[in-house]
PDB file of N, CA and C in Angstrom:
ATOM      1  N   UNK A   1      40.440  -6.223  17.773  1.00  0.00           N
ATOM      2  CA  UNK A   1      39.215  -5.985  18.677  1.00  0.00           C
ATOM      3  C   UNK A   1      38.109  -7.114  18.482  1.00  0.00           C
ATOM      4  N   UNK A   2      38.411  -7.871  19.361  1.00  0.00           N
ATOM      5  CA  UNK A   2      37.326  -8.655  19.216  1.00  0.00           C
ATOM      6  C   UNK A   2      35.624  -8.438  19.231  1.00  0.00           C
ATOM      7  N   UNK A   3      34.734  -9.193  18.685  1.00  0.00           N
ATOM      8  CA  UNK A   3      33.597  -9.108  19.273  1.00  0.00           C
ATOM      9  C   UNK A   3      33.314  -9.227  20.680  1.00  0.00           C
ATOM     10  N   UNK A   4      32.654  -8.397  21.763  1.00  0.00           N
ATOM     11  CA  UNK A   4      32.774  -8.164  22.906  1.00  0.00           C
ATOM     12  C   UNK A   4      31.198  -8.436  23.397  1.00  0.00           C
ATOM     13  N   UNK A   5      30.825  -9.160  24.432  1.00  0.00           N
ATOM     14  CA  UNK A   5      30.082  -9.760  24.995  1.00  0.00           C
ATOM     15  C   UNK A   5      28.922  -8.764  25.686  1.00  0.00           C
ATOM     16  N   UNK A   6      28.262  -7.590  24.964  1.00  0.00           N
ATOM     17  CA  UNK A   6      27.406  -6.781  25.148  1.00  0.00           C
ATOM     18  C   UNK A   6      26.032  -6.970  25.111  1.00  0.00           C
ATOM     19  N   UNK A   7      25.255  -6.216  25.792  1.00  0.00           N
ATOM     20  CA  UNK A   7      23.997  -6.304  25.984  1.00  0.00           C
ATOM     21  C   UNK A   7      23.379  -5.242  24.497  1.00  0.00           C
ATOM     22  N   UNK A   8      22.426  -5.326  24.011  1.00  0.00           N
ATOM     23  CA  UNK A   8      21.954  -4.274  22.864  1.00  0.00           C
ATOM     24  C   UNK A   8      21.642  -3.344  23.479  1.00  0.00           C
ATOM     25  N   UNK A   9      21.750  -1.950  22.387  1.00  0.00           N
ATOM     26  CA  UNK A   9      20.937  -0.596  22.498  1.00  0.00           C
ATOM     27  C   UNK A   9      19.852  -0.465  23.049  1.00  0.00           C
ATOM     28  N   UNK A  10      19.599   0.248  23.639  1.00  0.00           N
ATOM     29  CA  UNK A  10      18.106   0.572  23.735  1.00  0.00           C
ATOM     30  C   UNK A  10      17.806   2.136  23.279  1.00  0.00           C
ATOM     31  N   UNK A  11      17.433   2.353  22.391  1.00  0.00           N
ATOM     32  CA  UNK A  11      17.306   3.869  21.566  1.00  0.00           C
ATOM     33  C   UNK A  11      16.021   4.500  22.359  1.00  0.00           C
ATOM     34  N   UNK A  12      15.506   4.133  22.736  1.00  0.00           N
ATOM     35  CA  UNK A  12      14.160   4.693  23.042  1.00  0.00           C
ATOM     36  C   UNK A  12      13.734   4.495  24.744  1.00  0.00           C
ATOM     37  N   UNK A  13      12.684   5.423  25.032  1.00  0.00           N
ATOM     38  CA  UNK A  13      12.209   5.546  26.461  1.00  0.00           C
ATOM     39  C   UNK A  13      10.736   5.341  26.273  1.00  0.00           C
ATOM     40  N   UNK A  14       9.957   4.405  27.046  1.00  0.00           N
ATOM     41  CA  UNK A  14       9.066   4.195  27.452  1.00  0.00           C
ATOM     42  C   UNK A  14       8.018   5.202  27.942  1.00  0.00           C
ATOM     43  N   UNK A  15       6.985   5.288  27.073  1.00  0.00           N
ATOM     44  CA  UNK A  15       5.698   6.236  27.204  1.00  0.00           C
ATOM     45  C   UNK A  15       4.451   5.780  27.805  1.00  0.00           C
ATOM     46  N   UNK A  16       3.525   6.578  28.268  1.00  0.00           N
ATOM     47  CA  UNK A  16       1.993   5.953  27.916  1.00  0.00           C
ATOM     48  C   UNK A  16       1.364   7.515  27.044  1.00  0.00           C
ATOM     49  N   UNK A  17       0.266   6.727  26.711  1.00  0.00           N
ATOM     50  CA  UNK A  17      -0.624   7.906  25.970  1.00  0.00           C
ATOM     51  C   UNK A  17      -1.835   8.632  27.400  1.00  0.00           C
ATOM     52  N   UNK A  18      -1.818   9.708  27.907  1.00  0.00           N
ATOM     53  CA  UNK A  18      -2.698  10.232  28.706  1.00  0.00           C
ATOM     54  C   UNK A  18      -4.012  10.109  27.634  1.00  0.00           C
ATOM     55  N   UNK A  19      -4.265  11.113  26.644  1.00  0.00           N
ATOM     56  CA  UNK A  19      -5.202  11.602  26.008  1.00  0.00           C
ATOM     57  C   UNK A  19      -5.355  12.370  25.223  1.00  0.00           C
ATOM     58  N   UNK A  20      -6.243  13.098  24.600  1.00  0.00           N
ATOM     59  CA  UNK A  20      -5.736  14.318  23.877  1.00  0.00           C
ATOM     60  C   UNK A  20      -5.680  15.938  24.797  1.00  0.00           C
ATOM     61  N   UNK A  21      -5.099  16.801  23.658  1.00  0.00           N
ATOM     62  CA  UNK A  21      -5.227  18.077  24.253  1.00  0.00           C
ATOM     63  C   UNK A  21      -6.357  18.402  24.230  1.00  0.00           C
ATOM     64  N   UNK A  22      -6.759  19.087  25.378  1.00  0.00           N
ATOM     65  CA  UNK A  22      -8.830  19.324  25.567  1.00  0.00           C
ATOM     66  C   UNK A  22      -8.615  20.442  26.733  1.00  0.00           C
ATOM     67  N   UNK A  23      -9.868  21.369  26.301  1.00  0.00           N
ATOM     68  CA  UNK A  23     -10.472  22.125  27.288  1.00  0.00           C
ATOM     69  C   UNK A  23     -11.589  21.679  28.186  1.00  0.00           C
ATOM     70  N   UNK A  24     -12.508  22.516  28.923  1.00  0.00           N
ATOM     71  CA  UNK A  24     -13.731  21.932  29.467  1.00  0.00           C
ATOM     72  C   UNK A  24     -14.377  21.203  28.727  1.00  0.00           C
ATOM     73  N   UNK A  25     -14.474  21.283  27.300  1.00  0.00           N
ATOM     74  CA  UNK A  25     -15.605  21.660  26.657  1.00  0.00           C
ATOM     75  C   UNK A  25     -15.131  21.056  25.087  1.00  0.00           C
ATOM     76  N   UNK A  26     -14.060  21.211  24.534  1.00  0.00           N
ATOM     77  CA  UNK A  26     -13.665  20.710  23.487  1.00  0.00           C
ATOM     78  C   UNK A  26     -12.123  19.974  23.830  1.00  0.00           C
ATOM     79  N   UNK A  27     -12.097  19.318  22.862  1.00  0.00           N
ATOM     80  CA  UNK A  27     -11.105  18.345  22.775  1.00  0.00           C
ATOM     81  C   UNK A  27     -10.635  18.241  21.510  1.00  0.00           C
ATOM     82  N   UNK A  28      -9.372  18.498  21.251  1.00  0.00           N
ATOM     83  CA  UNK A  28      -8.277  18.373  19.994  1.00  0.00           C
ATOM     84  C   UNK A  28      -7.282  17.656  19.445  1.00  0.00           C
ATOM     85  N   UNK A  29      -7.979  16.467  18.637  1.00  0.00           N
ATOM     86  CA  UNK A  29      -7.583  15.083  18.487  1.00  0.00           C
ATOM     87  C   UNK A  29      -6.016  15.732  17.962  1.00  0.00           C
ATOM     88  N   UNK A  30      -5.432  16.861  17.304  1.00  0.00           N
ATOM     89  CA  UNK A  30      -4.257  16.627  16.711  1.00  0.00           C
ATOM     90  C   UNK A  30      -3.653  16.665  17.301  1.00  0.00           C
ATOM     91  N   UNK A  31      -3.499  16.921  18.880  1.00  0.00           N
ATOM     92  CA  UNK A  31      -1.940  16.815  20.035  1.00  0.00           C
ATOM     93  C   UNK A  31      -2.617  16.085  20.788  1.00  0.00           C
ATOM     94  N   UNK A  32      -1.979  14.914  21.286  1.00  0.00           N
ATOM     95  CA  UNK A  32      -1.802  13.903  22.043  1.00  0.00           C
ATOM     96  C   UNK A  32      -0.907  14.303  23.396  1.00  0.00           C
ATOM     97  N   UNK A  33      -1.426  14.222  24.439  1.00  0.00           N
ATOM     98  CA  UNK A  33      -0.507  14.020  25.854  1.00  0.00           C
ATOM     99  C   UNK A  33       0.292  12.762  26.243  1.00  0.00           C
ATOM    100  N   UNK A  34       1.239  13.247  26.470  1.00  0.00           N
ATOM    101  CA  UNK A  34       2.108  11.813  26.312  1.00  0.00           C
ATOM    102  C   UNK A  34       2.840  11.721  27.795  1.00  0.00           C
ATOM    103  N   UNK A  35       3.046  11.109  28.588  1.00  0.00           N
ATOM    104  CA  UNK A  35       3.818  10.877  29.892  1.00  0.00           C
ATOM    105  C   UNK A  35       5.060   9.933  29.645  1.00  0.00           C
ATOM    106  N   UNK A  36       6.382  10.434  30.001  1.00  0.00           N
ATOM    107  CA  UNK A  36       7.464   9.688  29.604  1.00  0.00           C
ATOM    108  C   UNK A  36       7.979   8.917  30.506  1.00  0.00           C
ATOM    109  N   UNK A  37       8.064   7.965  30.858  1.00  0.00           N
ATOM    110  CA  UNK A  37       8.675   7.250  32.153  1.00  0.00           C
ATOM    111  C   UNK A  37      10.268   8.089  32.457  1.00  0.00           C
ATOM    112  N   UNK A  38       9.838   8.045  34.070  1.00  0.00           N
ATOM    113  CA  UNK A  38      11.376   9.014  34.643  1.00  0.00           C
ATOM    114  C   UNK A  38      11.894  10.488  34.526  1.00  0.00           C
ATOM    115  N   UNK A  39      10.697  11.273  33.673  1.00  0.00           N
ATOM    116  CA  UNK A  39      10.489  12.401  33.403  1.00  0.00           C
ATOM    117  C   UNK A  39       9.449  13.087  34.750  1.00  0.00           C
ATOM    118  N   UNK A  40      10.020  14.000  35.495  1.00  0.00           N
ATOM    119  CA  UNK A  40       8.928  14.088  36.452  1.00  0.00           C
ATOM    120  C   UNK A  40       8.695  15.803  36.434  1.00  0.00           C
ATOM    121  N   UNK A  41       9.633  16.440  36.010  1.00  0.00           N
ATOM    122  CA  UNK A  41       9.812  18.160  35.886  1.00  0.00           C
ATOM    123  C   UNK A  41       9.795  18.489  34.555  1.00  0.00           C
ATOM    124  N   UNK A  42       9.495  19.806  34.328  1.00  0.00           N
ATOM    125  CA  UNK A  42       9.546  20.664  33.069  1.00  0.00           C
ATOM    126  C   UNK A  42      11.107  20.386  32.860  1.00  0.00           C
ATOM    127  N   UNK A  43      11.975  20.578  33.811  1.00  0.00           N
ATOM    128  CA  UNK A  43      13.397  21.342  33.740  1.00  0.00           C
ATOM    129  C   UNK A  43      13.812  19.917  32.607  1.00  0.00           C
ATOM    130  N   UNK A  44      13.430  18.555  32.925  1.00  0.00           N
ATOM    131  CA  UNK A  44      14.239  17.537  32.247  1.00  0.00           C
ATOM    132  C   UNK A  44      13.335  17.023  30.933  1.00  0.00           C
ATOM    133  N   UNK A  45      12.127  17.803  30.457  1.00  0.00           N
ATOM    134  CA  UNK A  45      11.590  17.587  29.452  1.00  0.00           C
ATOM    135  C   UNK A  45      12.271  17.998  27.913  1.00  0.00           C
ATOM    136  N   UNK A  46      12.890  19.329  28.546  1.00  0.00           N
ATOM    137  CA  UNK A  46      13.778  20.065  27.542  1.00  0.00           C
ATOM    138  C   UNK A  46      14.692  19.232  26.906  1.00  0.00           C
ATOM    139  N   UNK A  47      14.906  17.849  27.706  1.00  0.00           N
ATOM    140  CA  UNK A  47      15.985  16.841  26.773  1.00  0.00           C
ATOM    141  C   UNK A  47      15.214  16.266  25.451  1.00  0.00           C
ATOM    142  N   UNK A  48      13.633  15.869  25.589  1.00  0.00           N
ATOM    143  CA  UNK A  48      12.854  15.693  24.799  1.00  0.00           C
ATOM    144  C   UNK A  48      12.496  15.996  23.745  1.00  0.00           C
ATOM    145  N   UNK A  49      12.467  17.585  23.660  1.00  0.00           N
ATOM    146  CA  UNK A  49      11.555  18.056  22.967  1.00  0.00           C
ATOM    147  C   UNK A  49      12.570  18.053  21.417  1.00  0.00           C
ATOM    148  N   UNK A  50      11.598  17.463  20.124  1.00  0.00           N
ATOM    149  CA  UNK A  50      11.890  17.640  19.246  1.00  0.00           C
ATOM    150  C   UNK A  50      12.056  16.033  18.992  1.00  0.00           C
ATOM    151  N   UNK A  51      12.490  15.038  19.943  1.00  0.00           N
ATOM    152  CA  UNK A  51      12.557  13.813  19.734  1.00  0.00           C
ATOM    153  C   UNK A  51      11.791  13.152  18.996  1.00  0.00           C
ATOM    154  N   UNK A  52      11.356  12.169  18.568  1.00  0.00           N
ATOM    155  CA  UNK A  52      10.499  11.493  17.317  1.00  0.00           C
ATOM    156  C   UNK A  52       9.976  10.789  18.744  1.00  0.00           C
ATOM    157  N   UNK A  53       8.391  10.183  18.438  1.00  0.00           N
ATOM    158  CA  UNK A  53       7.754   9.113  18.915  1.00  0.00           C
ATOM    159  C   UNK A  53       7.010   8.325  18.200  1.00  0.00           C
ATOM    160  N   UNK A  54       7.742   7.029  18.476  1.00  0.00           N
ATOM    161  CA  UNK A  54       6.597   5.697  17.342  1.00  0.00           C
ATOM    162  C   UNK A  54       5.497   5.060  18.579  1.00  0.00           C
ATOM    163  N   UNK A  55       4.192   5.048  17.589  1.00  0.00           N
ATOM    164  CA  UNK A  55       3.076   4.409  18.056  1.00  0.00           C
ATOM    165  C   UNK A  55       2.991   3.371  17.638  1.00  0.00           C
ATOM    166  N   UNK A  56       3.560   2.173  18.153  1.00  0.00           N
ATOM    167  CA  UNK A  56       3.127   0.823  17.317  1.00  0.00           C
ATOM    168  C   UNK A  56       1.821  -0.275  17.475  1.00  0.00           C
ATOM    169  N   UNK A  57       1.390   0.021  16.742  1.00  0.00           N
ATOM    170  CA  UNK A  57       0.038  -1.563  16.544  1.00  0.00           C
ATOM    171  C   UNK A  57       0.420  -2.654  15.337  1.00  0.00           C
ATOM    172  N   UNK A  58       0.146  -3.392  15.559  1.00  0.00           N
ATOM    173  CA  UNK A  58       0.183  -5.068  14.827  1.00  0.00           C
ATOM    174  C   UNK A  58      -1.169  -5.203  13.843  1.00  0.00           C
ATOM    175  N   UNK A  59      -1.108  -5.135  12.639  1.00  0.00           N
ATOM    176  CA  UNK A  59      -2.292  -5.545  11.886  1.00  0.00           C
ATOM    177  C   UNK A  59      -2.776  -7.011  11.509  1.00  0.00           C
ATOM    178  N   UNK A  60      -3.655  -7.367  11.368  1.00  0.00           N
ATOM    179  CA  UNK A  60      -3.894  -8.668  10.318  1.00  0.00           C
ATOM    180  C   UNK A  60      -3.229  -8.922   8.923  1.00  0.00           C
ATOM    181  N   UNK A  61      -2.882  -8.171   8.519  1.00  0.00           N
ATOM    182  CA  UNK A  61      -2.181  -8.618   7.164  1.00  0.00           C
ATOM    183  C   UNK A  61      -1.023  -7.565   6.985  1.00  0.00           C
ATOM    184  N   UNK A  62       0.137  -8.330   6.419  1.00  0.00           N
ATOM    185  CA  UNK A  62       1.018  -7.686   6.281  1.00  0.00           C
ATOM    186  C   UNK A  62       1.443  -6.277   5.303  1.00  0.00           C
ATOM    187  N   UNK A  63       1.857  -5.217   5.878  1.00  0.00           N
ATOM    188  CA  UNK A  63       2.003  -4.061   4.906  1.00  0.00           C
ATOM    189  C   UNK A  63       2.697  -4.325   3.306  1.00  0.00           C
ATOM    190  N   UNK A  64       3.807  -3.153   2.924  1.00  0.00           N
ATOM    191  CA  UNK A  64       4.008  -3.234   1.259  1.00  0.00           C
ATOM    192  C   UNK A  64       5.714  -3.779   2.138  1.00  0.00           C
ATOM    193  N   UNK A  65       5.933  -3.760   3.587  1.00  0.00           N
ATOM    194  CA  UNK A  65       7.145  -4.038   3.402  1.00  0.00           C
ATOM    195  C   UNK A  65       7.377  -5.464   4.078  1.00  0.00           C
ATOM    196  N   UNK A  66       6.266  -6.125   4.289  1.00  0.00           N
ATOM    197  CA  UNK A  66       5.892  -7.709   4.574  1.00  0.00           C
ATOM    198  C   UNK A  66       5.600  -7.433   6.196  1.00  0.00           C
ATOM    199  N   UNK A  67       6.198  -6.398   6.969  1.00  0.00           N
ATOM    200  CA  UNK A  67       5.784  -6.799   8.341  1.00  0.00           C
ATOM    201  C   UNK A  67       4.462  -6.761   8.898  1.00  0.00           C
ATOM    202  N   UNK A  68       4.097  -7.191   9.585  1.00  0.00           N
ATOM    203  CA  UNK A  68       2.388  -6.961  10.298  1.00  0.00           C
ATOM    204  C   UNK A  68       2.529  -5.633  11.194  1.00  0.00           C
ATOM    205  N   UNK A  69       3.701  -5.328  11.360  1.00  0.00           N
ATOM    206  CA  UNK A  69       3.705  -4.544  12.323  1.00  0.00           C
ATOM    207  C   UNK A  69       3.426  -2.991  11.737  1.00  0.00           C
ATOM    208  N   UNK A  70       2.472  -1.740  12.519  1.00  0.00           N
ATOM    209  CA  UNK A  70       2.683  -0.529  11.343  1.00  0.00           C
ATOM    210  C   UNK A  70       2.724   0.839  12.725  1.00  0.00           C
ATOM    211  N   UNK A  71       3.383   1.451  12.317  1.00  0.00           N
ATOM    212  CA  UNK A  71       4.667   2.496  13.125  1.00  0.00           C
ATOM    213  C   UNK A  71       3.754   3.694  12.657  1.00  0.00           C
ATOM    214  N   UNK A  72       3.213   4.472  13.425  1.00  0.00           N
ATOM    215  CA  UNK A  72       2.932   6.290  13.336  1.00  0.00           C
ATOM    216  C   UNK A  72       3.425   6.993  14.344  1.00  0.00           C
ATOM    217  N   UNK A  73       4.362   7.664  13.258  1.00  0.00           N
ATOM    218  CA  UNK A  73       5.665   8.545  13.425  1.00  0.00           C
ATOM    219  C   UNK A  73       4.577   9.680  14.516  1.00  0.00           C
ATOM    220  N   UNK A  74       5.514  10.291  15.413  1.00  0.00           N
ATOM    221  CA  UNK A  74       5.440  11.939  16.040  1.00  0.00           C
ATOM    222  C   UNK A  74       6.679  12.664  16.369  1.00  0.00           C
ATOM    223  N   UNK A  75       5.997  13.495  16.779  1.00  0.00           N
ATOM    224  CA  UNK A  75       7.216  14.292  17.507  1.00  0.00           C
ATOM    225  C   UNK A  75       7.140  15.411  18.768  1.00  0.00           C
ATOM    226  N   UNK A  76       7.866  15.153  19.781  1.00  0.00           N
ATOM    227  CA  UNK A  76       7.979  16.124  20.940  1.00  0.00           C
ATOM    228  C   UNK A  76       7.867  17.548  20.703  1.00  0.00           C
ATOM    229  N   UNK A  77       6.163  18.167  21.029  1.00  0.00           N
ATOM    230  CA  UNK A  77       6.230  19.657  20.734  1.00  0.00           C
ATOM    231  C   UNK A  77       6.807  20.367  21.382  1.00  0.00           C
ATOM    232  N   UNK A  78       6.358  20.161  23.154  1.00  0.00           N
ATOM    233  CA  UNK A  78       6.124  21.127  24.308  1.00  0.00           C
ATOM    234  C   UNK A  78       5.724  20.267  25.222  1.00  0.00           C
ATOM    235  N   UNK A  79       6.146  20.913  26.716  1.00  0.00           N
ATOM    236  CA  UNK A  79       5.767  20.589  27.766  1.00  0.00           C
ATOM    237  C   UNK A  79       4.012  20.572  27.916  1.00  0.00           C
ATOM    238  N   UNK A  80       3.700  19.996  29.067  1.00  0.00           N
ATOM    239  CA  UNK A  80       2.623  20.062  29.209  1.00  0.00           C
ATOM    240  C   UNK A  80       2.265  20.318  30.967  1.00  0.00           C
ATOM    241  N   UNK A  81       1.911  21.294  31.714  1.00  0.00           N
ATOM    242  CA  UNK A  81       2.143  20.932  33.101  1.00  0.00           C
ATOM    243  C   UNK A  81       3.270  21.045  33.344  1.00  0.00           C
ATOM    244  N   UNK A  82       4.351  20.778  34.492  1.00  0.00           N
ATOM    245  CA  UNK A  82       5.012  20.673  35.629  1.00  0.00           C
ATOM    246  C   UNK A  82       5.961  19.665  35.926  1.00  0.00           C
ATOM    247  N   UNK A  83       4.676  18.221  35.473  1.00  0.00           N
ATOM    248  CA  UNK A  83       5.089  16.688  35.881  1.00  0.00           C
ATOM    249  C   UNK A  83       5.639  16.093  34.923  1.00  0.00           C
ATOM    250  N   UNK A  84       6.186  16.739  33.765  1.00  0.00           N
ATOM    251  CA  UNK A  84       6.798  15.800  33.205  1.00  0.00           C
ATOM    252  C   UNK A  84       6.284  15.040  31.977  1.00  0.00           C
ATOM    253  N   UNK A  85       4.976  15.849  31.410  1.00  0.00           N
ATOM    254  CA  UNK A  85       3.734  15.622  30.233  1.00  0.00           C
ATOM    255  C   UNK A  85       4.272  16.174  29.442  1.00  0.00           C
ATOM    256  N   UNK A  86       4.437  15.464  27.816  1.00  0.00           N
ATOM    257  CA  UNK A  86       4.385  16.639  26.792  1.00  0.00           C
ATOM    258  C   UNK A  86       3.478  16.269  25.738  1.00  0.00           C
ATOM    259  N   UNK A  87       3.164  17.294  25.086  1.00  0.00           N
ATOM    260  CA  UNK A  87       2.347  17.448  24.211  1.00  0.00           C
ATOM    261  C   UNK A  87       2.783  17.196  22.984  1.00  0.00           C
ATOM    262  N   UNK A  88       2.359  15.848  22.004  1.00  0.00           N
ATOM    263  CA  UNK A  88       2.853  15.619  20.827  1.00  0.00           C
ATOM    264  C   UNK A  88       1.870  15.816  19.546  1.00  0.00           C
ATOM    265  N   UNK A  89       2.302  15.897  18.486  1.00  0.00           N
ATOM    266  CA  UNK A  89       1.728  15.766  17.409  1.00  0.00           C
ATOM    267  C   UNK A  89       2.304  14.523  16.079  1.00  0.00           C
ATOM    268  N   UNK A  90       1.465  13.767  15.795  1.00  0.00           N
ATOM    269  CA  UNK A  90       1.736  12.796  15.082  1.00  0.00           C
ATOM    270  C   UNK A  90       1.158  12.556  14.045  1.00  0.00           C
ATOM    271  N   UNK A  91       1.803  11.989  13.048  1.00  0.00           N
ATOM    272  CA  UNK A  91       1.496  12.381  11.317  1.00  0.00           C
ATOM    273  C   UNK A  91       0.352  11.931  10.782  1.00  0.00           C
ATOM    274  N   UNK A  92      -0.708  10.809  11.615  1.00  0.00           N
ATOM    275  CA  UNK A  92      -1.648  10.665  11.649  1.00  0.00           C
ATOM    276  C   UNK A  92      -2.340  10.506  13.173  1.00  0.00           C
ATOM    277  N   UNK A  93      -3.545  11.259  13.544  1.00  0.00           N
ATOM    278  CA  UNK A  93      -3.930  11.757  14.905  1.00  0.00           C
ATOM    279  C   UNK A  93      -4.165  10.087  15.368  1.00  0.00           C
ATOM    280  N   UNK A  94      -3.818   9.974  16.575  1.00  0.00           N
ATOM    281  CA  UNK A  94      -4.056   8.719  17.113  1.00  0.00           C
ATOM    282  C   UNK A  94      -5.426   8.526  17.997  1.00  0.00           C
ATOM    283  N   UNK A  95      -5.706   7.284  17.682  1.00  0.00           N
ATOM    284  CA  UNK A  95      -7.237   6.512  17.524  1.00  0.00           C
ATOM    285  C   UNK A  95      -7.708   6.796  18.901  1.00  0.00           C
ATOM    286  N   UNK A  96      -8.362   7.043  19.298  1.00  0.00           N
ATOM    287  CA  UNK A  96      -9.290   6.887  20.585  1.00  0.00           C
ATOM    288  C   UNK A  96      -8.756   5.491  21.015  1.00  0.00           C
ATOM    289  N   UNK A  97      -8.950   4.187  21.025  1.00  0.00           N
ATOM    290  CA  UNK A  97      -8.045   3.205  21.521  1.00  0.00           C
ATOM    291  C   UNK A  97      -7.019   3.011  22.375  1.00  0.00           C
ATOM    292  N   UNK A  98      -6.363   3.830  21.538  1.00  0.00           N
ATOM    293  CA  UNK A  98      -4.699   4.355  21.599  1.00  0.00           C
ATOM    294  C   UNK A  98      -4.693   4.714  23.160  1.00  0.00           C
ATOM    295  N   UNK A  99      -5.277   5.512  24.153  1.00  0.00           N
ATOM    296  CA  UNK A  99      -5.351   6.147  25.312  1.00  0.00           C
ATOM    297  C   UNK A  99      -4.913   4.712  26.498  1.00  0.00           C
ATOM    298  N   UNK A 100      -3.739   5.094  26.977  1.00  0.00           N
ATOM    299  CA  UNK A 100      -3.578   4.468  27.989  1.00  0.00           C
ATOM    300  C   UNK A 100      -2.865   3.147  27.442  1.00  0.00           C
ATOM    301  N   UNK A 101      -2.080   3.149  26.434  1.00  0.00           N
ATOM    302  CA  UNK A 101      -1.083   2.874  25.477  1.00  0.00           C
ATOM    303  C   UNK A 101      -0.093   3.134  25.598  1.00  0.00           C
ATOM    304  N   UNK A 102       0.740   2.533  24.493  1.00  0.00           N
ATOM    305  CA  UNK A 102       2.244   2.535  25.053  1.00  0.00           C
ATOM    306  C   UNK A 102       2.884   2.889  23.903  1.00  0.00           C
ATOM    307  N   UNK A 103       3.907   3.954  23.881  1.00  0.00           N
ATOM    308  CA  UNK A 103       5.053   4.538  22.933  1.00  0.00           C
ATOM    309  C   UNK A 103       6.043   4.900  23.291  1.00  0.00           C
ATOM    310  N   UNK A 104       6.903   4.424  22.181  1.00  0.00           N
ATOM    311  CA  UNK A 104       8.296   4.541  22.147  1.00  0.00           C
ATOM    312  C   UNK A 104       9.001   6.107  21.646  1.00  0.00           C
ATOM    313  N   UNK A 105       9.543   6.761  22.908  1.00  0.00           N
ATOM    314  CA  UNK A 105      10.231   7.744  22.573  1.00  0.00           C
ATOM    315  C   UNK A 105      11.164   7.973  22.140  1.00  0.00           C
ATOM    316  N   UNK A 106      11.871   7.753  21.019  1.00  0.00           N
ATOM    317  CA  UNK A 106      13.291   7.859  20.352  1.00  0.00           C
ATOM    318  C   UNK A 106      14.076   8.629  21.180  1.00  0.00           C
ATOM    319  N   UNK A 107      15.627   8.401  21.206  1.00  0.00           N
ATOM    320  CA  UNK A 107      16.557   9.300  21.542  1.00  0.00           C
ATOM    321  C   UNK A 107      16.969  10.098  20.679  1.00  0.00           C
ATOM    322  N   UNK A 108      16.726  10.382  19.411  1.00  0.00           N
ATOM    323  CA  UNK A 108      17.119  11.009  18.260  1.00  0.00           C
ATOM    324  C   UNK A 108      15.641  11.425  17.861  1.00  0.00           C
ATOM    325  N   UNK A 109      15.891  12.685  17.142  1.00  0.00           N
ATOM    326  CA  UNK A 109      17.594  13.326  16.884  1.00  0.00           C
ATOM    327  C   UNK A 109      17.995  13.992  17.591  1.00  0.00           C
ATOM    328  N   UNK A 110      19.335  13.879  17.962  1.00  0.00           N
ATOM    329  CA  UNK A 110      20.012  14.347  19.316  1.00  0.00           C
ATOM    330  C   UNK A 110      20.168  16.185  19.043  1.00  0.00           C
ATOM    331  N   UNK A 111      20.056  16.903  20.310  1.00  0.00           N
ATOM    332  CA  UNK A 111      20.330  18.129  20.144  1.00  0.00           C
ATOM    333  C   UNK A 111      21.400  18.704  20.882  1.00  0.00           C
ATOM    334  N   UNK A 112      22.099  17.385  21.643  1.00  0.00           N
ATOM    335  CA  UNK A 112      23.473  17.378  21.964  1.00  0.00           C
ATOM    336  C   UNK A 112      24.485  17.846  21.753  1.00  0.00           C
TER     337      UNK A 112
END
């Protein structure tokens, strides 16, 4: 078995941050709304429930591990509406400047 010329495997799907969970007058920063690329129905959301989400930012100074990238990890909790939007909770609430930004929806942990 020799090494084959294969493309690297991408273990995530892109998503967009829409904003926070909110009502007419109140907003709840502990829950973020994420639109997952390629997911358009509530039924398709069920595959992503429990999957990890990474919000990646770049800092000016290296962290403890020597990398300038910082990651805020979150988890897909439930669906929101019927168009493939999901509610997610992060270890630290997402900052307001992240709205409209990108996240990576990891394809693990697997529930299949």
